[in-house]
Amino acid sequence: MTEKPTVYTSNQTQHLETLLRDNLFFKSRPLFEKKLVFLPHPSLKNPLLTSFVADGKLDVALGVDFLELGSGVSLLYQWTTGKTLLFPPQDLLTLHLEALLDAPHLAPALALEFLKYGKYGGAFLKQWKSGWQKTLWDQVTQKWNYPYEILDIPLKKPATKAEIHLFNFPFLPKLYHLFFAKLSKFFSISYYQFSPCKEFWSDTVSEVEKVRLLEKNPQLSLYLDEGHPLLKNLGRLGRETFRVFEEEDFAFEEHYQAPEPKTFLTHLQNDLLHFQKTTAPKDSSVLLLPAASKLREVEILYAKLLKMECPPSEIQVFAPEISSYAPLIELVFGSEESPFDFTIRDLPEHPLLQAFLDLLTLNEERFTPASLFKIFSSPYFFALSEKEVKAFQKWIDQSGVKWGVSPVHREKLLPGFHDTTPHGTWEEAFKQLLNHLLYLPVKPSEWDLPYLDFTDSVLLGKC
């Protein structure tokens, strides 16, 4: 057994799937050794199993346990230490902090920060001595574990034999790579990592990073101009991942395949693979399609996919925040006339619970427009379309709402608040909107609140 994990790299995910299958089923392994495959998302399991048997070389894929990273790390930690890890979900950590804080409205933001501390805190956590956050951190970590703890406790040789496979994680915090490096003394650890470039590219820098470096040393200009701009500016997480692999001296096994540059897309892929930038004629293989709204984006996507001669199982759609598109995807792709079956991945684990927490913390947020529109945008609470939400938000922005339902409500939220006028409250805004729905001004000015007509009355009634 090697003392370091092995990283299988390829610019083709299909080839990574084949490598994983061959290592799982066609390599001789000790009898009764467990086979664990860690996946970025559990929904990847079925497509992987389908790919294992697609070419007929394997009849049945049995004897493999597919796990998410958190549960997999907890299992390995228990095998090698005899102890159990208990990582808090963000929702439960928020509730825990609300019970500890004098200002509970700070809990959601603080929970997010504490989760970051647990993953990226490193040496800072050991040097952290005092402060109100430190006091809360100590109280929270008496009940919950945090990821960096997995590096602090010595590991023992486990009684269980297993091989560990990590399949195509786009990014993992460094602490997990260090943990798997420690585990490689006891288990066979294999990474299957997509890499668009076969050259050494982990030390490339983005344009912003380049400017900073040139300010310190202008002689670096020629060196920093090498490579492809997409790798430099959009490949940061990949660079960091491979930099950790190189620093920790992981073993590499490369399986790159150069695409034949027939289209602009394959030409681009070939440039990325060889860490170069050349020119090619534009065609329809790469398109930039502008849209006026997120709903229009989804409608354009739907229309494009209808024209494509491609099985739906081979189509993947990516978005920076897929949860904001989820109701629109359900609306367009879930319609009766839609021929597509679809699955939305990477949604929050408990979106309904998160929406409920937003509702509970509305008072602590002082009924600000931002906190209220977050709830208005949730499909669990309101049947408002994206267009209706934007229209209502425009009215409120023009109305100058700041916070609080009424002067009485403001006094309850902030006892001793001296401004007793209704200016900037929701009550005042709705009074003005109703007045401007019923009456037209004698001399309107650009400083007036928005004027509505009777076609707006239905939307105002919903709100």
Foldseek 3Di string as FASTA:
>chain_A
DDLFAEEEEEQDLLVLLVVVLCVVPVDDDDPPAAEEEEECFPVVVVVSQCSSPVVPPDDHDDRYHYHYPVVVVQVVLCQFPVDGAFADDLLVQLVVVLVVDPQSLCSSVLSVVLLCCLQPVPVVVVVDDDDPNVVVSVVVCVPHPGNLVLVVDDTHQGPHHYAYEYEADLAGRLSVSVNVSNCVVRYHYYYYYYDLEPDLDLPAAAPVVVVVVCVVPVVCVVVNPFFDNCCHHVVNRVSVVVVSCVVSVHHYDYDYDQDDCPAPVSVVSNRSHHRHDDDDDHDDPDDDDDDPDLLRVLVVVQVVVVPDPDPLVPDDDDDPQCQLCVVSCCVVCVDPPHPDDDDDPDDPPCVVSVLVVLVVCCVSVQVAPVSVLVNCSDPVRAPDDPVLSVVVVVLLVLQQAGGHAALVSVCVSPPPPDDSDRRNHVPVSLVQQVCLAVDDDPDDDPSGRDHDYPVCVVSSVRD
